[in-house]
């Protein structure tokens, strides 16, 4: 495996995280219906969704926000030949920060900690784009 193709392992890990959050959302929604705290029709309008599943659903939305820039950076680094060891390490750092963010979001949902983890992943993604800029300069 070359360093350039190694960039796809953290990409696959981020995709796996997204699928895991889909499973959490589904399990929580099914659990809410079975527990009688929600009706199937309640999921048409997220504002009336029970908090546990609403939190997971919001995190799922998060997986399609900042990670889009992660995917674009990884693909750009790969296409331009800039997916070296540093880029792969930074990509893994992003995934770890996002996994920690998701974990906090769907468990304790401690907003201050969640915010710090989001900022960490944002900073790591910025570094990805800096690596790309330096590489193509």
N, C-alpha and C. Protein backbone atom coordinates (compact mmCIF):
# COMPACT_ATOMS: atom_id res chain seq x y z
N UNK A 1 0.86 -1.18 0.00
CA UNK A 1 0.00 0.00 0.00
C UNK A 1 0.90 1.24 0.00
N UNK A 2 0.67 2.11 -0.92
CA UNK A 2 1.45 3.35 -0.98
C UNK A 2 0.84 4.38 -0.05
N UNK A 3 1.65 5.39 0.28
CA UNK A 3 1.15 6.47 1.15
C UNK A 3 -0.06 7.14 0.51
N UNK A 4 -0.05 7.26 -0.81
CA UNK A 4 -1.16 7.97 -1.45
C UNK A 4 -2.48 7.22 -1.30
N UNK A 5 -2.46 5.89 -1.44
CA UNK A 5 -3.72 5.16 -1.28
C UNK A 5 -4.09 4.99 0.19
N UNK A 6 -3.14 5.15 1.09
CA UNK A 6 -3.42 5.05 2.53
C UNK A 6 -4.38 6.15 2.97
N UNK A 7 -4.50 7.21 2.21
CA UNK A 7 -5.41 8.31 2.55
C UNK A 7 -6.86 7.81 2.56
N UNK A 8 -7.12 6.70 1.87
CA UNK A 8 -8.49 6.20 1.79
C UNK A 8 -8.91 5.42 3.04
N UNK A 9 -7.98 4.97 3.88
CA UNK A 9 -8.37 4.30 5.12
C UNK A 9 -9.10 5.24 6.08
N UNK A 10 -8.58 6.44 6.34
CA UNK A 10 -9.37 7.35 7.17
C UNK A 10 -10.68 7.77 6.50
N UNK A 11 -10.68 7.87 5.19
CA UNK A 11 -11.94 8.18 4.48
C UNK A 11 -12.96 7.07 4.75
N UNK A 12 -12.52 5.83 4.62
CA UNK A 12 -13.42 4.71 4.89
C UNK A 12 -13.87 4.70 6.35
N UNK A 13 -12.98 5.06 7.25
CA UNK A 13 -13.35 5.12 8.67
C UNK A 13 -14.42 6.18 8.91
N UNK A 14 -14.29 7.33 8.25
CA UNK A 14 -15.30 8.39 8.39
C UNK A 14 -16.64 7.95 7.82
N UNK A 15 -16.61 7.23 6.72
CA UNK A 15 -17.84 6.68 6.13
C UNK A 15 -18.46 5.68 7.11
N UNK A 16 -17.64 4.83 7.72
CA UNK A 16 -18.13 3.87 8.70
C UNK A 16 -18.78 4.59 9.88
N UNK A 17 -18.17 5.68 10.33
CA UNK A 17 -18.75 6.47 11.41
C UNK A 17 -20.14 6.97 11.02
N UNK A 18 -20.28 7.43 9.81
CA UNK A 18 -21.58 7.92 9.33
C UNK A 18 -22.62 6.79 9.34
N UNK A 19 -22.23 5.63 8.86
CA UNK A 19 -23.15 4.49 8.90
C UNK A 19 -23.51 4.11 10.33
N UNK A 20 -22.54 4.17 11.23
CA UNK A 20 -22.81 3.85 12.64
C UNK A 20 -23.84 4.82 13.22
N UNK A 21 -23.71 6.11 12.88
CA UNK A 21 -24.68 7.08 13.38
C UNK A 21 -26.06 6.83 12.77
N UNK A 22 -26.12 6.42 11.50
CA UNK A 22 -27.41 6.02 10.92
C UNK A 22 -28.05 4.92 11.75
N UNK A 23 -27.26 3.95 12.18
CA UNK A 23 -27.77 2.84 12.98
C UNK A 23 -28.26 3.33 14.34
N UNK A 24 -27.53 4.27 14.95
CA UNK A 24 -27.96 4.83 16.24
C UNK A 24 -29.29 5.56 16.08
N UNK A 25 -29.41 6.37 15.05
CA UNK A 25 -30.67 7.09 14.80
C UNK A 25 -31.82 6.10 14.65
N UNK A 26 -31.61 5.10 13.82
CA UNK A 26 -32.66 4.11 13.59
C UNK A 26 -33.04 3.39 14.87
N UNK A 27 -32.05 2.95 15.63
CA UNK A 27 -32.33 2.23 16.88
C UNK A 27 -33.06 3.11 17.88
N UNK A 28 -32.66 4.36 17.97
CA UNK A 28 -33.33 5.26 18.92
C UNK A 28 -34.75 5.59 18.49
N UNK A 29 -34.97 5.74 17.20
CA UNK A 29 -36.33 6.01 16.73
C UNK A 29 -37.22 4.79 16.95
N UNK A 30 -36.72 3.62 16.62
CA UNK A 30 -37.50 2.40 16.86
C UNK A 30 -37.77 2.23 18.36
N UNK A 31 -36.76 2.50 19.17
CA UNK A 31 -36.93 2.40 20.62
C UNK A 31 -37.97 3.37 21.15
N UNK A 32 -37.99 4.57 20.61
CA UNK A 32 -38.98 5.57 21.04
C UNK A 32 -40.40 5.13 20.68
N UNK A 33 -40.56 4.56 19.49
CA UNK A 33 -41.88 4.08 19.08
C UNK A 33 -42.30 2.91 19.97
N UNK A 34 -41.39 1.97 20.20
CA UNK A 34 -41.71 0.81 21.04
C UNK A 34 -42.02 1.22 22.48
N UNK A 35 -41.31 2.24 22.98
CA UNK A 35 -41.54 2.71 24.35
C UNK A 35 -42.79 3.57 24.48
N UNK A 36 -43.36 3.96 23.35
CA UNK A 36 -44.56 4.78 23.38
C UNK A 36 -44.29 6.26 23.58
N UNK A 37 -43.02 6.67 23.49
CA UNK A 37 -42.69 8.09 23.64
C UNK A 37 -42.79 8.84 22.32
N UNK A 38 -43.02 8.09 21.24
CA UNK A 38 -43.17 8.72 19.92
C UNK A 38 -44.03 7.82 19.04
N UNK A 39 -44.64 8.46 18.06
CA UNK A 39 -45.36 7.73 17.03
C UNK A 39 -44.53 7.83 15.76
N UNK A 40 -44.72 6.92 14.85
CA UNK A 40 -43.98 6.95 13.59
C UNK A 40 -44.15 8.31 12.92
N UNK A 41 -45.36 8.86 12.98
CA UNK A 41 -45.63 10.16 12.33
C UNK A 41 -44.84 11.30 12.96
N UNK A 42 -44.36 11.12 14.20
CA UNK A 42 -43.58 12.18 14.86
C UNK A 42 -42.27 12.47 14.13
N UNK A 43 -41.79 11.53 13.35
CA UNK A 43 -40.50 11.70 12.68
C UNK A 43 -40.61 12.46 11.37
N UNK A 44 -41.83 12.87 11.02
CA UNK A 44 -42.00 13.71 9.84
C UNK A 44 -41.47 15.12 10.10
N UNK A 45 -41.64 15.60 11.33
CA UNK A 45 -41.19 16.94 11.72
C UNK A 45 -40.19 16.77 12.85
N UNK A 46 -38.90 17.01 12.58
CA UNK A 46 -37.89 16.76 13.62
C UNK A 46 -38.10 17.53 14.92
N UNK A 47 -38.82 18.63 14.90
CA UNK A 47 -38.98 19.43 16.11
C UNK A 47 -39.79 18.73 17.18
N UNK A 48 -40.53 17.69 16.81
CA UNK A 48 -41.31 16.97 17.82
C UNK A 48 -40.73 15.58 18.10
N UNK A 49 -39.54 15.34 17.61
CA UNK A 49 -38.87 14.06 17.84
C UNK A 49 -38.34 14.00 19.27
N UNK A 50 -38.41 12.83 19.92
CA UNK A 50 -37.86 12.72 21.29
C UNK A 50 -36.38 13.07 21.31
N UNK A 51 -35.93 13.65 22.42
CA UNK A 51 -34.55 14.14 22.51
C UNK A 51 -33.47 13.12 22.16
N UNK A 52 -33.54 11.88 22.66
CA UNK A 52 -32.46 10.94 22.34
C UNK A 52 -32.29 10.69 20.84
N UNK A 53 -33.40 10.51 20.13
CA UNK A 53 -33.28 10.28 18.69
C UNK A 53 -33.01 11.59 17.95
N UNK A 54 -33.54 12.70 18.45
CA UNK A 54 -33.27 14.00 17.81
C UNK A 54 -31.79 14.35 17.88
N UNK A 55 -31.16 14.04 19.01
CA UNK A 55 -29.73 14.31 19.16
C UNK A 55 -28.93 13.47 18.17
N UNK A 56 -29.28 12.20 18.05
CA UNK A 56 -28.58 11.34 17.10
C UNK A 56 -28.83 11.80 15.67
N UNK A 57 -30.05 12.21 15.37
CA UNK A 57 -30.37 12.70 14.03
C UNK A 57 -29.58 13.97 13.70
N UNK A 58 -29.42 14.84 14.70
CA UNK A 58 -28.64 16.06 14.49
C UNK A 58 -27.18 15.71 14.24
N UNK A 59 -26.68 14.70 14.95
CA UNK A 59 -25.30 14.29 14.71
C UNK A 59 -25.15 13.71 13.31
N UNK A 60 -26.16 12.99 12.85
CA UNK A 60 -26.11 12.48 11.48
C UNK A 60 -26.00 13.62 10.48
N UNK A 61 -26.75 14.68 10.72
CA UNK A 61 -26.64 15.87 9.86
C UNK A 61 -25.21 16.41 9.91
N UNK A 62 -24.61 16.41 11.10
CA UNK A 62 -23.23 16.87 11.24
C UNK A 62 -22.27 16.07 10.36
N UNK A 63 -22.58 14.80 10.13
CA UNK A 63 -21.69 13.95 9.33
C UNK A 63 -21.69 14.34 7.85
N UNK A 64 -22.59 15.23 7.48
CA UNK A 64 -22.64 15.69 6.09
C UNK A 64 -22.32 17.19 5.98
N UNK A 65 -21.73 17.73 7.01
CA UNK A 65 -21.33 19.14 6.99
C UNK A 65 -19.81 19.22 6.86
N UNK A 66 -19.08 19.35 7.94
CA UNK A 66 -17.62 19.45 7.89
C UNK A 66 -16.96 18.25 7.19
N UNK A 67 -17.43 17.03 7.39
CA UNK A 67 -16.78 15.92 6.68
C UNK A 67 -16.77 16.06 5.16
N UNK A 68 -17.67 16.82 4.59
CA UNK A 68 -17.64 17.05 3.15
C UNK A 68 -16.32 17.71 2.76
N UNK A 69 -15.86 18.66 3.57
CA UNK A 69 -14.57 19.30 3.31
C UNK A 69 -13.42 18.32 3.51
N UNK A 70 -13.57 17.40 4.46
CA UNK A 70 -12.58 16.35 4.69
C UNK A 70 -12.46 15.47 3.44
N UNK A 71 -13.60 15.01 2.93
CA UNK A 71 -13.57 14.16 1.74
C UNK A 71 -12.94 14.89 0.56
N UNK A 72 -13.31 16.14 0.38
CA UNK A 72 -12.76 16.92 -0.73
C UNK A 72 -11.25 17.09 -0.58
N UNK A 73 -10.79 17.35 0.64
CA UNK A 73 -9.35 17.51 0.87
C UNK A 73 -8.61 16.21 0.60
N UNK A 74 -9.14 15.10 1.10
CA UNK A 74 -8.48 13.81 0.89
C UNK A 74 -8.41 13.46 -0.59
N UNK A 75 -9.51 13.64 -1.30
CA UNK A 75 -9.51 13.35 -2.74
C UNK A 75 -8.57 14.28 -3.49
N UNK A 76 -8.55 15.55 -3.11
CA UNK A 76 -7.66 16.51 -3.76
C UNK A 76 -6.20 16.16 -3.51
N UNK A 77 -5.89 15.78 -2.29
CA UNK A 77 -4.52 15.37 -1.97
C UNK A 77 -4.13 14.12 -2.77
N UNK A 78 -5.04 13.18 -2.88
CA UNK A 78 -4.76 11.97 -3.64
C UNK A 78 -4.52 12.28 -5.11
N UNK A 79 -5.44 13.05 -5.71
CA UNK A 79 -5.37 13.34 -7.15
C UNK A 79 -4.11 14.12 -7.51
N UNK A 80 -3.67 15.00 -6.62
CA UNK A 80 -2.49 15.82 -6.92
C UNK A 80 -1.19 15.15 -6.48
N UNK A 81 -1.28 13.96 -5.90
CA UNK A 81 -0.08 13.26 -5.44
C UNK A 81 0.44 13.77 -4.11
N UNK A 82 -0.40 14.48 -3.37
CA UNK A 82 0.02 15.04 -2.09
C UNK A 82 -0.41 14.24 -0.87
N UNK A 83 -0.85 13.00 -1.10
CA UNK A 83 -1.35 12.18 0.01
C UNK A 83 -0.22 11.38 0.64
N UNK A 84 0.78 12.10 1.14
CA UNK A 84 1.91 11.46 1.80
C UNK A 84 1.60 11.14 3.25
N UNK A 85 2.64 10.77 3.97
CA UNK A 85 2.50 10.36 5.37
C UNK A 85 1.84 11.47 6.21
N UNK A 86 2.28 12.70 6.06
CA UNK A 86 1.71 13.80 6.85
C UNK A 86 0.22 13.93 6.58
N UNK A 87 -0.18 13.84 5.33
CA UNK A 87 -1.60 13.97 4.97
C UNK A 87 -2.42 12.83 5.57
N UNK A 88 -1.86 11.64 5.58
CA UNK A 88 -2.57 10.49 6.13
C UNK A 88 -2.71 10.63 7.65
N UNK A 89 -1.66 11.06 8.31
CA UNK A 89 -1.72 11.26 9.76
C UNK A 89 -2.75 12.32 10.11
N UNK A 90 -2.77 13.40 9.37
CA UNK A 90 -3.74 14.48 9.61
C UNK A 90 -5.16 13.98 9.34
N UNK A 91 -5.32 13.18 8.31
CA UNK A 91 -6.65 12.63 8.01
C UNK A 91 -7.14 11.74 9.15
N UNK A 92 -6.25 10.92 9.70
CA UNK A 92 -6.64 10.10 10.85
C UNK A 92 -6.98 10.96 12.06
N UNK A 93 -6.25 12.04 12.25
CA UNK A 93 -6.55 12.96 13.37
C UNK A 93 -7.96 13.53 13.20
N UNK A 94 -8.33 13.86 11.98
CA UNK A 94 -9.67 14.38 11.73
C UNK A 94 -10.72 13.33 12.12
N UNK A 95 -10.52 12.11 11.66
CA UNK A 95 -11.50 11.05 11.95
C UNK A 95 -11.61 10.81 13.45
N UNK A 96 -10.48 10.81 14.14
CA UNK A 96 -10.52 10.61 15.60
C UNK A 96 -11.29 11.74 16.29
N UNK A 97 -11.05 12.97 15.85
CA UNK A 97 -11.77 14.11 16.43
C UNK A 97 -13.27 14.02 16.14
N UNK A 98 -13.61 13.61 14.93
CA UNK A 98 -15.03 13.48 14.56
C UNK A 98 -15.69 12.33 15.32
N UNK A 99 -14.97 11.23 15.51
CA UNK A 99 -15.52 10.10 16.26
C UNK A 99 -15.76 10.52 17.72
N UNK A 100 -14.81 11.24 18.29
CA UNK A 100 -14.99 11.72 19.67
C UNK A 100 -16.16 12.68 19.75
N UNK A 101 -16.28 13.58 18.77
CA UNK A 101 -17.40 14.52 18.71
C UNK A 101 -18.72 13.76 18.64
N UNK A 102 -18.80 12.77 17.77
CA UNK A 102 -20.03 12.00 17.61
C UNK A 102 -20.37 11.26 18.90
N UNK A 103 -19.36 10.68 19.53
CA UNK A 103 -19.58 9.95 20.78
C UNK A 103 -20.17 10.87 21.85
N UNK A 104 -19.57 12.02 22.02
CA UNK A 104 -20.08 12.98 23.01
C UNK A 104 -21.49 13.43 22.64
N UNK A 105 -21.71 13.68 21.36
CA UNK A 105 -23.01 14.18 20.91
C UNK A 105 -24.13 13.18 21.20
N UNK A 106 -23.87 11.90 20.96
CA UNK A 106 -24.94 10.91 21.12
C UNK A 106 -24.97 10.27 22.51
N UNK A 107 -24.05 10.65 23.39
CA UNK A 107 -24.09 10.12 24.76
C UNK A 107 -24.41 11.26 25.73
N UNK A 108 -23.39 11.86 26.32
CA UNK A 108 -23.62 12.89 27.34
C UNK A 108 -24.12 14.20 26.74
N UNK A 109 -23.77 14.45 25.49
CA UNK A 109 -24.11 15.69 24.78
C UNK A 109 -23.67 16.93 25.55
N UNK A 110 -22.50 16.84 26.16
CA UNK A 110 -21.93 17.99 26.87
C UNK A 110 -21.47 19.01 25.82
N UNK A 111 -22.19 20.11 25.72
CA UNK A 111 -22.01 21.06 24.63
C UNK A 111 -20.61 21.68 24.62
N UNK A 112 -20.08 22.04 25.76
CA UNK A 112 -18.74 22.64 25.78
C UNK A 112 -17.68 21.67 25.25
N UNK A 113 -17.74 20.43 25.68
CA UNK A 113 -16.79 19.42 25.20
C UNK A 113 -17.01 19.14 23.72
N UNK A 114 -18.26 19.03 23.35
CA UNK A 114 -18.60 18.79 21.94
C UNK A 114 -18.07 19.92 21.07
N UNK A 115 -18.20 21.15 21.54
CA UNK A 115 -17.70 22.31 20.79
C UNK A 115 -16.19 22.25 20.64
N UNK A 116 -15.49 21.90 21.72
CA UNK A 116 -14.02 21.78 21.64
C UNK A 116 -13.60 20.72 20.62
N UNK A 117 -14.31 19.62 20.62
CA UNK A 117 -13.99 18.56 19.66
C UNK A 117 -14.31 18.99 18.23
N UNK A 118 -15.39 19.74 18.07
CA UNK A 118 -15.70 20.26 16.73
C UNK A 118 -14.59 21.21 16.27
N UNK A 119 -14.17 22.11 17.14
CA UNK A 119 -13.12 23.05 16.78
C UNK A 119 -11.82 22.32 16.46
N UNK A 120 -11.53 21.25 17.21
CA UNK A 120 -10.34 20.45 16.92
C UNK A 120 -10.44 19.86 15.51
N UNK A 121 -11.59 19.29 15.17
CA UNK A 121 -11.73 18.71 13.83
C UNK A 121 -11.70 19.79 12.75
N UNK A 122 -12.23 20.95 13.05
CA UNK A 122 -12.17 22.07 12.11
C UNK A 122 -10.72 22.50 11.87
N UNK A 123 -9.95 22.60 12.95
CA UNK A 123 -8.54 22.97 12.83
C UNK A 123 -7.75 21.92 12.05
N UNK A 124 -8.03 20.66 12.32
CA UNK A 124 -7.33 19.59 11.60
C UNK A 124 -7.68 19.65 10.11
N UNK A 125 -8.93 19.89 9.80
CA UNK A 125 -9.32 20.01 8.39
C UNK A 125 -8.63 21.19 7.73
N UNK A 126 -8.48 22.28 8.47
CA UNK A 126 -7.75 23.44 7.94
C UNK A 126 -6.31 23.05 7.61
N UNK A 127 -5.70 22.25 8.46
CA UNK A 127 -4.34 21.77 8.21
C UNK A 127 -4.31 20.93 6.94
N UNK A 128 -5.34 20.12 6.72
CA UNK A 128 -5.40 19.35 5.48
C UNK A 128 -5.34 20.27 4.26
N UNK A 129 -6.12 21.33 4.31
CA UNK A 129 -6.14 22.25 3.18
C UNK A 129 -4.82 23.01 3.05
N UNK A 130 -4.18 23.30 4.17
CA UNK A 130 -2.84 23.92 4.11
C UNK A 130 -1.85 22.97 3.46
N UNK A 131 -1.91 21.69 3.82
CA UNK A 131 -1.02 20.69 3.20
C UNK A 131 -1.23 20.66 1.69
N UNK A 132 -2.49 20.71 1.27
CA UNK A 132 -2.77 20.73 -0.16
C UNK A 132 -2.21 21.98 -0.81
N UNK A 133 -2.42 23.14 -0.18
CA UNK A 133 -1.92 24.40 -0.74
C UNK A 133 -0.40 24.38 -0.88
N UNK A 134 0.27 23.89 0.15
CA UNK A 134 1.73 23.81 0.11
C UNK A 134 2.17 22.84 -0.98
N UNK A 135 1.47 21.74 -1.08
CA UNK A 135 1.83 20.73 -2.09
C UNK A 135 1.69 21.27 -3.50
N UNK A 136 0.63 21.99 -3.78
CA UNK A 136 0.43 22.44 -5.18
C UNK A 136 1.14 23.75 -5.48
N UNK A 137 1.66 24.42 -4.45
CA UNK A 137 2.34 25.71 -4.66
C UNK A 137 3.67 25.53 -5.39
